PDB file of N, CA and C in Angstrom:
ATOM      1  N   UNK A   1     125.601 -79.927  -6.906  1.00  0.00           N
ATOM      2  CA  UNK A   1     125.710 -79.093  -5.462  1.00  0.00           C
ATOM      3  C   UNK A   1     125.444 -79.980  -5.018  1.00  0.00           C
ATOM      4  N   UNK A   2     125.986 -79.500  -4.030  1.00  0.00           N
ATOM      5  CA  UNK A   2     126.075 -80.483  -2.650  1.00  0.00           C
ATOM      6  C   UNK A   2     124.737 -79.824  -1.765  1.00  0.00           C
ATOM      7  N   UNK A   3     123.596 -79.947  -1.328  1.00  0.00           N
ATOM      8  CA  UNK A   3     123.070 -79.438  -0.676  1.00  0.00           C
ATOM      9  C   UNK A   3     123.725 -78.644   0.459  1.00  0.00           C
ATOM     10  N   UNK A   4     124.791 -79.206   1.251  1.00  0.00           N
ATOM     11  CA  UNK A   4     125.710 -78.767   2.020  1.00  0.00           C
ATOM     12  C   UNK A   4     126.619 -77.758   1.774  1.00  0.00           C
ATOM     13  N   UNK A   5     126.780 -77.661   0.425  1.00  0.00           N
ATOM     14  CA  UNK A   5     127.759 -76.710  -0.040  1.00  0.00           C
ATOM     15  C   UNK A   5     127.524 -75.462   0.488  1.00  0.00           C
ATOM     16  N   UNK A   6     128.351 -74.786   0.415  1.00  0.00           N
ATOM     17  CA  UNK A   6     128.031 -72.791   0.352  1.00  0.00           C
ATOM     18  C   UNK A   6     127.553 -72.346  -0.804  1.00  0.00           C
ATOM     19  N   UNK A   7     126.557 -71.690  -0.753  1.00  0.00           N
ATOM     20  CA  UNK A   7     125.953 -70.944  -1.890  1.00  0.00           C
ATOM     21  C   UNK A   7     125.650 -69.874  -2.123  1.00  0.00           C
ATOM     22  N   UNK A   8     125.277 -69.322  -2.671  1.00  0.00           N
ATOM     23  CA  UNK A   8     124.848 -67.537  -2.947  1.00  0.00           C
ATOM     24  C   UNK A   8     124.095 -67.993  -3.441  1.00  0.00           C
ATOM     25  N   UNK A   9     122.511 -67.676  -3.195  1.00  0.00           N
ATOM     26  CA  UNK A   9     121.002 -68.222  -3.511  1.00  0.00           C
ATOM     27  C   UNK A   9     120.367 -66.725  -4.359  1.00  0.00           C
ATOM     28  N   UNK A  10     120.932 -65.559  -3.867  1.00  0.00           N
ATOM     29  CA  UNK A  10     120.238 -64.179  -4.363  1.00  0.00           C
ATOM     30  C   UNK A  10     120.484 -62.973  -4.566  1.00  0.00           C
ATOM     31  N   UNK A  11     120.717 -62.084  -4.861  1.00  0.00           N
ATOM     32  CA  UNK A  11     121.062 -60.666  -4.363  1.00  0.00           C
ATOM     33  C   UNK A  11     120.190 -59.907  -4.979  1.00  0.00           C
ATOM     34  N   UNK A  12     120.662 -58.597  -4.149  1.00  0.00           N
ATOM     35  CA  UNK A  12     119.936 -57.471  -3.690  1.00  0.00           C
ATOM     36  C   UNK A  12     120.841 -56.208  -3.771  1.00  0.00           C
ATOM     37  N   UNK A  13     120.398 -55.080  -4.076  1.00  0.00           N
ATOM     38  CA  UNK A  13     120.828 -54.010  -4.017  1.00  0.00           C
ATOM     39  C   UNK A  13     120.087 -53.169  -2.405  1.00  0.00           C
ATOM     40  N   UNK A  14     120.646 -52.732  -1.476  1.00  0.00           N
ATOM     41  CA  UNK A  14     119.849 -51.796  -0.724  1.00  0.00           C
ATOM     42  C   UNK A  14     120.297 -50.321  -0.744  1.00  0.00           C
ATOM     43  N   UNK A  15     120.306 -49.222  -0.707  1.00  0.00           N
ATOM     44  CA  UNK A  15     120.700 -47.487  -0.889  1.00  0.00           C
ATOM     45  C   UNK A  15     119.996 -47.073   0.592  1.00  0.00           C
ATOM     46  N   UNK A  16     121.291 -46.665   1.416  1.00  0.00           N
ATOM     47  CA  UNK A  16     120.305 -46.023   2.245  1.00  0.00           C
ATOM     48  C   UNK A  16     122.157 -44.508   2.747  1.00  0.00           C
ATOM     49  N   UNK A  17     120.846 -43.199   2.259  1.00  0.00           N
ATOM     50  CA  UNK A  17     121.928 -41.662   1.793  1.00  0.00           C
ATOM     51  C   UNK A  17     122.821 -41.800   0.831  1.00  0.00           C
ATOM     52  N   UNK A  18     124.216 -41.656   1.021  1.00  0.00           N
ATOM     53  CA  UNK A  18     125.644 -42.556   0.741  1.00  0.00           C
ATOM     54  C   UNK A  18     126.234 -43.635   0.646  1.00  0.00           C
ATOM     55  N   UNK A  19     125.291 -44.302   1.073  1.00  0.00           N
ATOM     56  CA  UNK A  19     125.630 -46.438   1.561  1.00  0.00           C
ATOM     57  C   UNK A  19     125.277 -46.903   0.481  1.00  0.00           C
ATOM     58  N   UNK A  20     125.612 -48.075  -0.363  1.00  0.00           N
ATOM     59  CA  UNK A  20     125.004 -48.735  -0.941  1.00  0.00           C
ATOM     60  C   UNK A  20     125.541 -50.474  -0.479  1.00  0.00           C
ATOM     61  N   UNK A  21     124.904 -50.545  -0.085  1.00  0.00           N
ATOM     62  CA  UNK A  21     124.735 -52.457   0.570  1.00  0.00           C
ATOM     63  C   UNK A  21     124.594 -53.090  -0.265  1.00  0.00           C
ATOM     64  N   UNK A  22     125.775 -54.259  -1.235  1.00  0.00           N
ATOM     65  CA  UNK A  22     125.538 -55.226  -2.003  1.00  0.00           C
ATOM     66  C   UNK A  22     125.282 -56.161  -1.278  1.00  0.00           C
ATOM     67  N   UNK A  23     123.958 -57.046  -1.531  1.00  0.00           N
ATOM     68  CA  UNK A  23     123.839 -58.018  -0.566  1.00  0.00           C
ATOM     69  C   UNK A  23     123.731 -59.429  -0.990  1.00  0.00           C
ATOM     70  N   UNK A  24     124.284 -60.072  -0.805  1.00  0.00           N
ATOM     71  CA  UNK A  24     124.287 -61.809  -1.283  1.00  0.00           C
ATOM     72  C   UNK A  24     123.922 -62.698  -0.190  1.00  0.00           C
ATOM     73  N   UNK A  25     122.527 -63.002  -0.482  1.00  0.00           N
ATOM     74  CA  UNK A  25     121.872 -64.382   0.491  1.00  0.00           C
ATOM     75  C   UNK A  25     122.707 -65.160   0.268  1.00  0.00           C
ATOM     76  N   UNK A  26     122.984 -66.330   1.285  1.00  0.00           N
ATOM     77  CA  UNK A  26     124.350 -67.214   1.355  1.00  0.00           C
ATOM     78  C   UNK A  26     123.399 -67.943   2.541  1.00  0.00           C
ATOM     79  N   UNK A  27     124.309 -69.356   2.082  1.00  0.00           N
ATOM     80  CA  UNK A  27     123.476 -70.465   3.166  1.00  0.00           C
ATOM     81  C   UNK A  27     124.192 -70.833   4.486  1.00  0.00           C
ATOM     82  N   UNK A  28     124.880 -69.979   4.427  1.00  0.00           N
ATOM     83  CA  UNK A  28     126.158 -69.808   5.904  1.00  0.00           C
ATOM     84  C   UNK A  28     127.413 -68.872   5.595  1.00  0.00           C
ATOM     85  N   UNK A  29     128.161 -68.567   6.653  1.00  0.00           N
ATOM     86  CA  UNK A  29     129.003 -67.229   6.532  1.00  0.00           C
ATOM     87  C   UNK A  29     130.257 -68.118   5.542  1.00  0.00           C
ATOM     88  N   UNK A  30     130.410 -66.778   4.810  1.00  0.00           N
ATOM     89  CA  UNK A  30     132.175 -66.821   3.843  1.00  0.00           C
ATOM     90  C   UNK A  30     132.900 -66.411   4.672  1.00  0.00           C
ATOM     91  N   UNK A  31     134.182 -67.526   4.077  1.00  0.00           N
ATOM     92  CA  UNK A  31     135.612 -66.971   4.217  1.00  0.00           C
ATOM     93  C   UNK A  31     136.007 -66.533   3.157  1.00  0.00           C
ATOM     94  N   UNK A  32     136.587 -64.903   3.096  1.00  0.00           N
ATOM     95  CA  UNK A  32     137.281 -64.253   1.884  1.00  0.00           C
ATOM     96  C   UNK A  32     138.464 -63.680   2.313  1.00  0.00           C
ATOM     97  N   UNK A  33     139.168 -62.751   1.294  1.00  0.00           N
ATOM     98  CA  UNK A  33     140.308 -61.535   1.653  1.00  0.00           C
ATOM     99  C   UNK A  33     139.520 -60.769   0.722  1.00  0.00           C
ATOM    100  N   UNK A  34     139.824 -59.486   1.330  1.00  0.00           N
ATOM    101  CA  UNK A  34     139.674 -58.464   0.362  1.00  0.00           C
ATOM    102  C   UNK A  34     140.735 -57.630   0.022  1.00  0.00           C
ATOM    103  N   UNK A  35     140.404 -57.363  -0.873  1.00  0.00           N
ATOM    104  CA  UNK A  35     142.034 -56.291  -1.732  1.00  0.00           C
ATOM    105  C   UNK A  35     141.377 -55.348  -2.405  1.00  0.00           C
ATOM    106  N   UNK A  36     142.148 -54.078  -2.047  1.00  0.00           N
ATOM    107  CA  UNK A  36     141.320 -52.410  -2.995  1.00  0.00           C
ATOM    108  C   UNK A  36     142.683 -52.180  -3.946  1.00  0.00           C
ATOM    109  N   UNK A  37     141.684 -52.441  -5.439  1.00  0.00           N
ATOM    110  CA  UNK A  37     142.271 -51.912  -6.473  1.00  0.00           C
ATOM    111  C   UNK A  37     142.227 -50.762  -7.141  1.00  0.00           C
ATOM    112  N   UNK A  38     143.329 -50.160  -7.624  1.00  0.00           N
ATOM    113  CA  UNK A  38     143.034 -48.670  -8.114  1.00  0.00           C
ATOM    114  C   UNK A  38     143.256 -48.747  -9.683  1.00  0.00           C
ATOM    115  N   UNK A  39     143.388 -47.710 -10.426  1.00  0.00           N
ATOM    116  CA  UNK A  39     143.270 -47.442 -11.779  1.00  0.00           C
ATOM    117  C   UNK A  39     142.838 -49.218 -12.846  1.00  0.00           C
ATOM    118  N   UNK A  40     141.668 -48.904 -12.849  1.00  0.00           N
ATOM    119  CA  UNK A  40     140.555 -48.246 -12.565  1.00  0.00           C
ATOM    120  C   UNK A  40     139.914 -49.107 -10.967  1.00  0.00           C
ATOM    121  N   UNK A  41     139.321 -47.423 -10.119  1.00  0.00           N
ATOM    122  CA  UNK A  41     138.744 -48.489  -8.658  1.00  0.00           C
ATOM    123  C   UNK A  41     138.163 -49.809  -8.863  1.00  0.00           C
ATOM    124  N   UNK A  42     138.586 -50.216  -7.963  1.00  0.00           N
ATOM    125  CA  UNK A  42     138.015 -51.833  -7.870  1.00  0.00           C
ATOM    126  C   UNK A  42     138.364 -52.543  -6.118  1.00  0.00           C
ATOM    127  N   UNK A  43     136.884 -53.264  -6.064  1.00  0.00           N
ATOM    128  CA  UNK A  43     137.151 -53.948  -5.264  1.00  0.00           C
ATOM    129  C   UNK A  43     137.195 -55.667  -5.278  1.00  0.00           C
ATOM    130  N   UNK A  44     138.168 -56.196  -4.924  1.00  0.00           N
ATOM    131  CA  UNK A  44     138.010 -58.100  -5.199  1.00  0.00           C
ATOM    132  C   UNK A  44     137.693 -58.407  -4.151  1.00  0.00           C
ATOM    133  N   UNK A  45     137.076 -59.369  -4.207  1.00  0.00           N
ATOM    134  CA  UNK A  45     136.792 -60.013  -2.984  1.00  0.00           C
ATOM    135  C   UNK A  45     136.911 -61.694  -3.081  1.00  0.00           C
ATOM    136  N   UNK A  46     138.275 -62.138  -2.746  1.00  0.00           N
ATOM    137  CA  UNK A  46     138.374 -63.634  -3.284  1.00  0.00           C
ATOM    138  C   UNK A  46     137.676 -64.669  -1.816  1.00  0.00           C
ATOM    139  N   UNK A  47     137.418 -65.855  -2.890  1.00  0.00           N
ATOM    140  CA  UNK A  47     136.634 -66.781  -1.654  1.00  0.00           C
ATOM    141  C   UNK A  47     137.560 -67.709  -0.950  1.00  0.00           C
ATOM    142  N   UNK A  48     138.284 -68.297   0.523  1.00  0.00           N
ATOM    143  CA  UNK A  48     139.026 -69.103   0.514  1.00  0.00           C
ATOM    144  C   UNK A  48     138.798 -70.977   0.107  1.00  0.00           C
ATOM    145  N   UNK A  49     137.401 -70.940   0.435  1.00  0.00           N
ATOM    146  CA  UNK A  49     136.797 -72.007  -0.141  1.00  0.00           C
ATOM    147  C   UNK A  49     135.368 -72.103  -1.248  1.00  0.00           C
ATOM    148  N   UNK A  50     135.374 -73.649  -1.737  1.00  0.00           N
ATOM    149  CA  UNK A  50     134.399 -73.322  -2.987  1.00  0.00           C
ATOM    150  C   UNK A  50     132.936 -72.612  -2.362  1.00  0.00           C
ATOM    151  N   UNK A  51     132.539 -71.668  -3.016  1.00  0.00           N
ATOM    152  CA  UNK A  51     131.301 -71.426  -2.953  1.00  0.00           C
ATOM    153  C   UNK A  51     130.389 -70.973  -4.797  1.00  0.00           C
ATOM    154  N   UNK A  52     129.793 -71.721  -4.451  1.00  0.00           N
ATOM    155  CA  UNK A  52     128.699 -71.703  -5.223  1.00  0.00           C
ATOM    156  C   UNK A  52     127.629 -70.197  -5.902  1.00  0.00           C
ATOM    157  N   UNK A  53     127.321 -70.168  -6.977  1.00  0.00           N
ATOM    158  CA  UNK A  53     126.139 -69.023  -6.806  1.00  0.00           C
ATOM    159  C   UNK A  53     125.280 -69.705  -8.340  1.00  0.00           C
ATOM    160  N   UNK A  54     124.102 -68.579  -7.602  1.00  0.00           N
ATOM    161  CA  UNK A  54     122.923 -68.860  -8.486  1.00  0.00           C
ATOM    162  C   UNK A  54     122.274 -67.713  -9.210  1.00  0.00           C
ATOM    163  N   UNK A  55     123.660 -66.502  -8.836  1.00  0.00           N
ATOM    164  CA  UNK A  55     123.364 -65.568  -9.367  1.00  0.00           C
ATOM    165  C   UNK A  55     123.995 -64.649 -10.851  1.00  0.00           C
ATOM    166  N   UNK A  56     123.257 -64.081 -11.472  1.00  0.00           N
ATOM    167  CA  UNK A  56     123.860 -63.868 -12.717  1.00  0.00           C
ATOM    168  C   UNK A  56     125.302 -63.233 -12.496  1.00  0.00           C
ATOM    169  N   UNK A  57     125.861 -63.339 -13.619  1.00  0.00           N
ATOM    170  CA  UNK A  57     127.605 -62.937 -13.641  1.00  0.00           C
ATOM    171  C   UNK A  57     127.981 -62.030 -14.077  1.00  0.00           C
ATOM    172  N   UNK A  58     127.097 -61.000 -14.325  1.00  0.00           N
ATOM    173  CA  UNK A  58     127.709 -59.360 -14.242  1.00  0.00           C
ATOM    174  C   UNK A  58     125.759 -58.788 -14.131  1.00  0.00           C
ATOM    175  N   UNK A  59     126.341 -57.805 -13.026  1.00  0.00           N
ATOM    176  CA  UNK A  59     125.233 -57.169 -12.602  1.00  0.00           C
ATOM    177  C   UNK A  59     125.230 -55.649 -12.948  1.00  0.00           C
ATOM    178  N   UNK A  60     124.413 -54.687 -13.391  1.00  0.00           N
ATOM    179  CA  UNK A  60     124.537 -53.320 -13.232  1.00  0.00           C
ATOM    180  C   UNK A  60     123.909 -52.396 -12.251  1.00  0.00           C
ATOM    181  N   UNK A  61     124.471 -51.736 -11.356  1.00  0.00           N
ATOM    182  CA  UNK A  61     124.409 -50.714 -10.508  1.00  0.00           C
ATOM    183  C   UNK A  61     123.904 -49.789 -10.490  1.00  0.00           C
ATOM    184  N   UNK A  62     125.179 -49.169 -10.710  1.00  0.00           N
ATOM    185  CA  UNK A  62     124.844 -47.863 -11.126  1.00  0.00           C
ATOM    186  C   UNK A  62     124.350 -46.785  -9.928  1.00  0.00           C
ATOM    187  N   UNK A  63     124.588 -46.932  -8.581  1.00  0.00           N
ATOM    188  CA  UNK A  63     123.819 -46.373  -7.618  1.00  0.00           C
ATOM    189  C   UNK A  63     125.516 -45.481  -6.584  1.00  0.00           C
ATOM    190  N   UNK A  64     125.544 -44.786  -6.239  1.00  0.00           N
ATOM    191  CA  UNK A  64     126.565 -43.902  -5.204  1.00  0.00           C
ATOM    192  C   UNK A  64     127.768 -44.313  -5.311  1.00  0.00           C
ATOM    193  N   UNK A  65     128.439 -44.488  -6.708  1.00  0.00           N
ATOM    194  CA  UNK A  65     129.570 -45.054  -7.394  1.00  0.00           C
ATOM    195  C   UNK A  65     130.130 -46.204  -7.496  1.00  0.00           C
ATOM    196  N   UNK A  66     128.970 -46.872  -7.628  1.00  0.00           N
ATOM    197  CA  UNK A  66     129.346 -48.434  -7.533  1.00  0.00           C
ATOM    198  C   UNK A  66     128.352 -48.500  -9.114  1.00  0.00           C
ATOM    199  N   UNK A  67     129.231 -48.901 -10.118  1.00  0.00           N
ATOM    200  CA  UNK A  67     129.175 -49.228 -11.693  1.00  0.00           C
ATOM    201  C   UNK A  67     128.279 -51.157 -11.661  1.00  0.00           C
ATOM    202  N   UNK A  68     129.281 -51.843 -11.090  1.00  0.00           N
ATOM    203  CA  UNK A  68     128.908 -53.479 -11.734  1.00  0.00           C
ATOM    204  C   UNK A  68     129.075 -54.068 -10.566  1.00  0.00           C
ATOM    205  N   UNK A  69     128.457 -55.492 -10.359  1.00  0.00           N
ATOM    206  CA  UNK A  69     128.963 -56.285  -9.714  1.00  0.00           C
ATOM    207  C   UNK A  69     129.346 -57.165 -10.591  1.00  0.00           C
ATOM    208  N   UNK A  70     131.060 -57.945 -10.721  1.00  0.00           N
ATOM    209  CA  UNK A  70     131.245 -58.800 -11.886  1.00  0.00           C
ATOM    210  C   UNK A  70     131.737 -60.442 -10.959  1.00  0.00           C
ATOM    211  N   UNK A  71     131.527 -61.428 -11.027  1.00  0.00           N
ATOM    212  CA  UNK A  71     131.369 -62.762 -10.343  1.00  0.00           C
ATOM    213  C   UNK A  71     132.655 -63.060 -11.579  1.00  0.00           C
ATOM    214  N   UNK A  72     134.040 -63.633 -10.703  1.00  0.00           N
ATOM    215  CA  UNK A  72     134.510 -64.633 -11.607  1.00  0.00           C
ATOM    216  C   UNK A  72     134.722 -65.951 -10.714  1.00  0.00           C
ATOM    217  N   UNK A  73     134.534 -67.189 -11.901  1.00  0.00           N
ATOM    218  CA  UNK A  73     134.104 -68.832 -11.819  1.00  0.00           C
ATOM    219  C   UNK A  73     135.257 -69.402 -11.606  1.00  0.00           C
ATOM    220  N   UNK A  74     135.503 -70.499 -11.113  1.00  0.00           N
ATOM    221  CA  UNK A  74     137.148 -70.766 -11.047  1.00  0.00           C
ATOM    222  C   UNK A  74     137.129 -71.517 -12.666  1.00  0.00           C
ATOM    223  N   UNK A  75     136.079 -72.107 -13.553  1.00  0.00           N
ATOM    224  CA  UNK A  75     136.306 -72.825 -14.706  1.00  0.00           C
ATOM    225  C   UNK A  75     135.345 -72.293 -15.421  1.00  0.00           C
ATOM    226  N   UNK A  76     135.961 -72.178 -16.811  1.00  0.00           N
ATOM    227  CA  UNK A  76     135.258 -71.084 -18.145  1.00  0.00           C
ATOM    228  C   UNK A  76     133.961 -72.146 -18.534  1.00  0.00           C
ATOM    229  N   UNK A  77     134.322 -73.348 -18.347  1.00  0.00           N
ATOM    230  CA  UNK A  77     133.477 -74.741 -18.569  1.00  0.00           C
ATOM    231  C   UNK A  77     131.852 -74.680 -17.709  1.00  0.00           C
ATOM    232  N   UNK A  78     131.969 -74.150 -16.309  1.00  0.00           N
ATOM    233  CA  UNK A  78     131.074 -73.914 -15.428  1.00  0.00           C
ATOM    234  C   UNK A  78     130.234 -72.813 -15.468  1.00  0.00           C
ATOM    235  N   UNK A  79     130.750 -71.916 -16.414  1.00  0.00           N
ATOM    236  CA  UNK A  79     129.992 -70.440 -16.538  1.00  0.00           C
ATOM    237  C   UNK A  79     128.560 -70.949 -17.145  1.00  0.00           C
ATOM    238  N   UNK A  80     128.332 -71.850 -17.797  1.00  0.00           N
ATOM    239  CA  UNK A  80     127.443 -72.376 -18.647  1.00  0.00           C
ATOM    240  C   UNK A  80     126.106 -72.036 -18.014  1.00  0.00           C
ATOM    241  N   UNK A  81     126.652 -72.800 -16.757  1.00  0.00           N
ATOM    242  CA  UNK A  81     124.594 -73.104 -15.924  1.00  0.00           C
ATOM    243  C   UNK A  81     125.336 -72.588 -14.546  1.00  0.00           C
ATOM    244  N   UNK A  82     123.876 -72.451 -13.788  1.00  0.00           N
ATOM    245  CA  UNK A  82     123.668 -71.683 -13.092  1.00  0.00           C
ATOM    246  C   UNK A  82     123.913 -72.860 -11.505  1.00  0.00           C
ATOM    247  N   UNK A  83     124.720 -72.346 -10.590  1.00  0.00           N
ATOM    248  CA  UNK A  83     124.948 -72.910  -9.214  1.00  0.00           C
ATOM    249  C   UNK A  83     126.809 -73.537  -9.404  1.00  0.00           C
ATOM    250  N   UNK A  84     127.447 -72.556 -10.023  1.00  0.00           N
ATOM    251  CA  UNK A  84     128.898 -72.562 -10.981  1.00  0.00           C
ATOM    252  C   UNK A  84     129.110 -71.948  -9.953  1.00  0.00           C
ATOM    253  N   UNK A  85     131.198 -72.468  -9.722  1.00  0.00           N
ATOM    254  CA  UNK A  85     131.761 -72.427  -8.923  1.00  0.00           C
ATOM    255  C   UNK A  85     132.272 -71.090  -8.647  1.00  0.00           C
ATOM    256  N   UNK A  86     132.426 -70.088  -7.320  1.00  0.00           N
ATOM    257  CA  UNK A  86     132.755 -68.559  -7.176  1.00  0.00           C
ATOM    258  C   UNK A  86     133.923 -69.075  -7.133  1.00  0.00           C
ATOM    259  N   UNK A  87     135.164 -67.554  -7.317  1.00  0.00           N
ATOM    260  CA  UNK A  87     136.356 -67.822  -7.329  1.00  0.00           C
ATOM    261  C   UNK A  87     136.363 -66.013  -6.328  1.00  0.00           C
ATOM    262  N   UNK A  88     135.855 -65.506  -7.302  1.00  0.00           N
ATOM    263  CA  UNK A  88     135.490 -63.880  -6.386  1.00  0.00           C
ATOM    264  C   UNK A  88     134.494 -63.230  -7.398  1.00  0.00           C
ATOM    265  N   UNK A  89     134.439 -61.876  -6.509  1.00  0.00           N
ATOM    266  CA  UNK A  89     133.014 -60.835  -6.715  1.00  0.00           C
ATOM    267  C   UNK A  89     134.339 -59.959  -7.210  1.00  0.00           C
ATOM    268  N   UNK A  90     133.810 -59.005  -7.634  1.00  0.00           N
ATOM    269  CA  UNK A  90     134.742 -57.692  -8.486  1.00  0.00           C
ATOM    270  C   UNK A  90     133.541 -56.980  -8.331  1.00  0.00           C
ATOM    271  N   UNK A  91     134.177 -55.313  -7.591  1.00  0.00           N
ATOM    272  CA  UNK A  91     132.880 -54.340  -7.818  1.00  0.00           C
ATOM    273  C   UNK A  91     133.147 -53.021  -7.996  1.00  0.00           C
ATOM    274  N   UNK A  92     133.375 -53.108  -9.405  1.00  0.00           N
ATOM    275  CA  UNK A  92     133.536 -51.338 -10.356  1.00  0.00           C
ATOM    276  C   UNK A  92     133.270 -50.172  -9.769  1.00  0.00           C
ATOM    277  N   UNK A  93     134.127 -49.413  -9.078  1.00  0.00           N
ATOM    278  CA  UNK A  93     133.292 -48.140  -8.598  1.00  0.00           C
ATOM    279  C   UNK A  93     134.326 -46.833  -9.883  1.00  0.00           C
ATOM    280  N   UNK A  94     133.192 -45.930  -9.248  1.00  0.00           N
ATOM    281  CA  UNK A  94     133.841 -44.523 -10.785  1.00  0.00           C
ATOM    282  C   UNK A  94     134.781 -43.680  -9.819  1.00  0.00           C
ATOM    283  N   UNK A  95     134.596 -44.393  -8.407  1.00  0.00           N
ATOM    284  CA  UNK A  95     136.005 -43.812  -7.586  1.00  0.00           C
ATOM    285  C   UNK A  95     136.300 -44.324  -6.536  1.00  0.00           C
ATOM    286  N   UNK A  96     137.808 -44.223  -5.547  1.00  0.00           N
ATOM    287  CA  UNK A  96     138.090 -44.695  -4.300  1.00  0.00           C
ATOM    288  C   UNK A  96     137.064 -44.296  -3.327  1.00  0.00           C
ATOM    289  N   UNK A  97     136.424 -45.349  -3.000  1.00  0.00           N
ATOM    290  CA  UNK A  97     135.458 -44.900  -1.382  1.00  0.00           C
ATOM    291  C   UNK A  97     135.608 -45.779  -0.427  1.00  0.00           C
ATOM    292  N   UNK A  98     135.128 -45.566   0.784  1.00  0.00           N
ATOM    293  CA  UNK A  98     135.173 -46.077   1.968  1.00  0.00           C
ATOM    294  C   UNK A  98     134.125 -47.863   2.137  1.00  0.00           C
ATOM    295  N   UNK A  99     134.952 -48.886   2.124  1.00  0.00           N
ATOM    296  CA  UNK A  99     134.554 -49.707   2.012  1.00  0.00           C
ATOM    297  C   UNK A  99     133.960 -51.156   3.293  1.00  0.00           C
ATOM    298  N   UNK A 100     133.009 -51.549   3.278  1.00  0.00           N
ATOM    299  CA  UNK A 100     133.265 -52.939   4.500  1.00  0.00           C
ATOM    300  C   UNK A 100     132.701 -54.682   3.827  1.00  0.00           C
ATOM    301  N   UNK A 101     133.375 -54.953   4.027  1.00  0.00           N
ATOM    302  CA  UNK A 101     132.770 -56.316   3.581  1.00  0.00           C
ATOM    303  C   UNK A 101     132.961 -56.872   4.795  1.00  0.00           C
ATOM    304  N   UNK A 102     131.579 -57.863   4.939  1.00  0.00           N
ATOM    305  CA  UNK A 102     131.119 -58.694   5.948  1.00  0.00           C
ATOM    306  C   UNK A 102     129.855 -59.854   6.018  1.00  0.00           C
ATOM    307  N   UNK A 103     129.758 -60.861   6.626  1.00  0.00           N
ATOM    308  CA  UNK A 103     128.615 -61.787   7.167  1.00  0.00           C
ATOM    309  C   UNK A 103     128.293 -60.615   8.158  1.00  0.00           C
ATOM    310  N   UNK A 104     126.564 -60.938   7.788  1.00  0.00           N
ATOM    311  CA  UNK A 104     125.870 -60.634   8.463  1.00  0.00           C
ATOM    312  C   UNK A 104     124.644 -61.586   9.004  1.00  0.00           C
ATOM    313  N   UNK A 105     124.199 -62.896   9.451  1.00  0.00           N
ATOM    314  CA  UNK A 105     123.590 -64.192   9.693  1.00  0.00           C
ATOM    315  C   UNK A 105     123.778 -65.011   8.281  1.00  0.00           C
ATOM    316  N   UNK A 106     122.685 -64.831   7.178  1.00  0.00           N
ATOM    317  CA  UNK A 106     122.753 -65.253   6.170  1.00  0.00           C
ATOM    318  C   UNK A 106     122.870 -64.692   4.816  1.00  0.00           C
ATOM    319  N   UNK A 107     123.865 -63.777   5.182  1.00  0.00           N
ATOM    320  CA  UNK A 107     124.004 -62.863   3.917  1.00  0.00           C
ATOM    321  C   UNK A 107     125.139 -61.950   4.264  1.00  0.00           C
ATOM    322  N   UNK A 108     126.104 -62.231   2.908  1.00  0.00           N
ATOM    323  CA  UNK A 108     127.551 -61.798   2.812  1.00  0.00           C
ATOM    324  C   UNK A 108     127.156 -59.901   2.074  1.00  0.00           C
ATOM    325  N   UNK A 109     127.466 -59.204   2.536  1.00  0.00           N
ATOM    326  CA  UNK A 109     127.815 -57.835   2.453  1.00  0.00           C
ATOM    327  C   UNK A 109     129.154 -56.862   2.053  1.00  0.00           C
ATOM    328  N   UNK A 110     128.346 -56.552   1.098  1.00  0.00           N
ATOM    329  CA  UNK A 110     130.072 -55.343   0.712  1.00  0.00           C
ATOM    330  C   UNK A 110     129.135 -53.933   0.802  1.00  0.00           C
ATOM    331  N   UNK A 111     129.432 -53.245   1.864  1.00  0.00           N
ATOM    332  CA  UNK A 111     128.778 -52.095   1.824  1.00  0.00           C
ATOM    333  C   UNK A 111     129.834 -50.830   1.580  1.00  0.00           C
ATOM    334  N   UNK A 112     129.405 -49.720   0.684  1.00  0.00           N
ATOM    335  CA  UNK A 112     130.426 -49.015  -0.177  1.00  0.00           C
ATOM    336  C   UNK A 112     129.722 -47.595   0.518  1.00  0.00           C
ATOM    337  N   UNK A 113     130.524 -46.541   0.491  1.00  0.00           N
ATOM    338  CA  UNK A 113     130.101 -45.369   1.184  1.00  0.00           C
ATOM    339  C   UNK A 113     130.554 -44.327   0.407  1.00  0.00           C
ATOM    340  N   UNK A 114     129.931 -43.548  -0.314  1.00  0.00           N
ATOM    341  CA  UNK A 114     130.847 -42.565  -1.895  1.00  0.00           C
ATOM    342  C   UNK A 114     131.267 -41.652  -0.355  1.00  0.00           C
ATOM    343  N   UNK A 115     132.629 -40.980  -0.877  1.00  0.00           N
ATOM    344  CA  UNK A 115     133.384 -40.198   0.096  1.00  0.00           C
ATOM    345  C   UNK A 115     132.960 -38.963  -1.018  1.00  0.00           C
TER     346      UNK A 115
END
């Protein structure tokens, strides 16, 4: 992976009352589209450009209605090592919730507020 390539380098969860922030540390702003899907409730964030991830593929969250965070990669072969090309992030929810997705400095944030 080129040092200039967009990368997700770490992940953390922050809870504040009824809000959960899924925070992906990055080395720049990520271009994305957000889709809200039902049955089951989930958020799909698709990336416009190549983004590489050094974060685990599936992360159990289990806070305020956020069940898991799953990463989907561009090729199955790339899933065997870290630094793989990321296509999308899926957040599984236990029910429909208020969601904000945004970049804040070098952090990509998915904020979920349980309704």
